[in-house]
Protein backbone atom coordinates (compact mmCIF):
# COMPACT_ATOMS: atom_id res chain seq x y z
CA MET A 1 0.27 0.05 -0.07
CA ASN A 2 1.06 3.47 -1.17
CA ALA A 3 0.35 6.83 0.58
CA LEU A 4 -2.25 7.53 -2.12
CA HIS A 5 -3.99 4.56 -1.08
CA GLN A 6 -3.55 5.23 2.80
CA TYR A 7 -4.55 8.56 2.08
CA LEU A 8 -7.83 7.05 0.96
CA PHE A 9 -8.50 5.02 3.52
CA ASP A 10 -8.14 7.91 5.51
CA THR A 11 -10.34 10.43 3.82
CA TYR A 12 -13.01 7.75 3.91
CA ARG A 13 -12.73 6.62 7.49
CA SER A 14 -12.90 10.38 8.14
CA ALA A 15 -15.79 10.98 6.35
CA SER A 16 -17.97 7.76 7.56
CA ILE A 17 -17.60 9.10 10.98
CA GLY A 18 -18.02 12.75 10.41
CA GLU A 19 -13.73 13.78 10.78
CA PRO A 20 -12.08 16.57 8.59
CA PRO A 21 -10.58 14.95 5.96
CA PRO A 22 -6.61 14.57 6.36
CA PRO A 23 -4.29 16.66 4.44
CA ALA A 24 -3.11 15.55 1.15
CA PRO A 25 0.20 13.81 0.90
CA GLY A 26 2.95 16.17 0.38
CA THR A 27 0.85 19.17 1.11
CA HIS A 28 3.22 20.16 3.97
CA ASP A 29 7.10 19.10 2.02
CA VAL A 30 8.19 22.57 1.60
CA ALA A 31 7.71 23.35 4.73
CA VAL A 32 9.11 21.00 6.60
CA LEU A 33 12.04 21.47 4.38
CA ARG A 34 12.32 24.80 5.25
CA ALA A 35 11.88 23.77 8.87
CA VAL A 36 15.22 21.60 8.45
CA ARG A 37 17.29 24.29 6.97
CA ASP A 38 16.55 26.56 9.26
CA ARG A 39 17.06 24.54 12.15
CA ARG A 40 20.66 23.65 10.66
CA ARG A 41 21.31 26.97 9.71
CA PHE A 42 20.65 27.48 13.30
CA GLU A 43 22.88 24.80 15.09
CA ARG A 44 25.87 26.06 12.33
CA VAL A 45 25.03 29.50 14.67
CA LEU A 46 25.49 27.68 18.02
CA ALA A 47 28.32 26.02 16.94
CA GLY A 48 29.97 29.17 15.79
CA ARG A 49 30.33 28.23 11.95
CA PRO A 50 29.32 30.55 9.03
CA ALA A 51 25.49 30.12 9.14
CA GLY A 52 24.91 30.30 4.93
CA GLY A 53 26.85 29.75 1.64
CA ALA A 54 27.84 26.16 2.89
CA LEU A 55 26.63 24.71 -0.20
CA ARG A 56 28.25 27.22 -2.88
CA ARG A 57 31.18 27.43 -0.67
CA ALA A 58 31.53 23.56 -1.60
CA LEU A 59 31.06 23.92 -5.17
CA ARG A 60 33.36 26.95 -5.43
CA ARG A 61 36.09 24.94 -3.91
CA LEU A 62 35.28 22.23 -6.50
CA GLY A 63 35.57 24.03 -9.25
CA ARG A 64 38.68 25.73 -8.73
CA SER A 65 40.38 22.39 -7.62
CA GLY A 66 39.30 21.04 -11.20
CA SER A 67 40.90 23.95 -13.15
CA ARG A 68 44.21 22.71 -11.30
CA ARG A 69 44.51 19.87 -12.63
CA PRO A 70 47.12 19.06 -15.76
CA ALA A 71 45.92 18.93 -19.23
CA CYS A 72 46.34 15.41 -20.83
């Protein structure tokens, strides 16, 4: 059974007993990802590291190291 089947069962059950339907699968995905990002930034600040730009710095570092390789 996948998430859609479970959602349909829960929707049917809630309609039959008069409760409000559950949220559709994926409704709160963006909010969860933002909360995870904010939590990681907060933990970085508490640890004394820069809060933002870690991905950009890593990509820039990879890009610079790739340009120093000897040509074949």
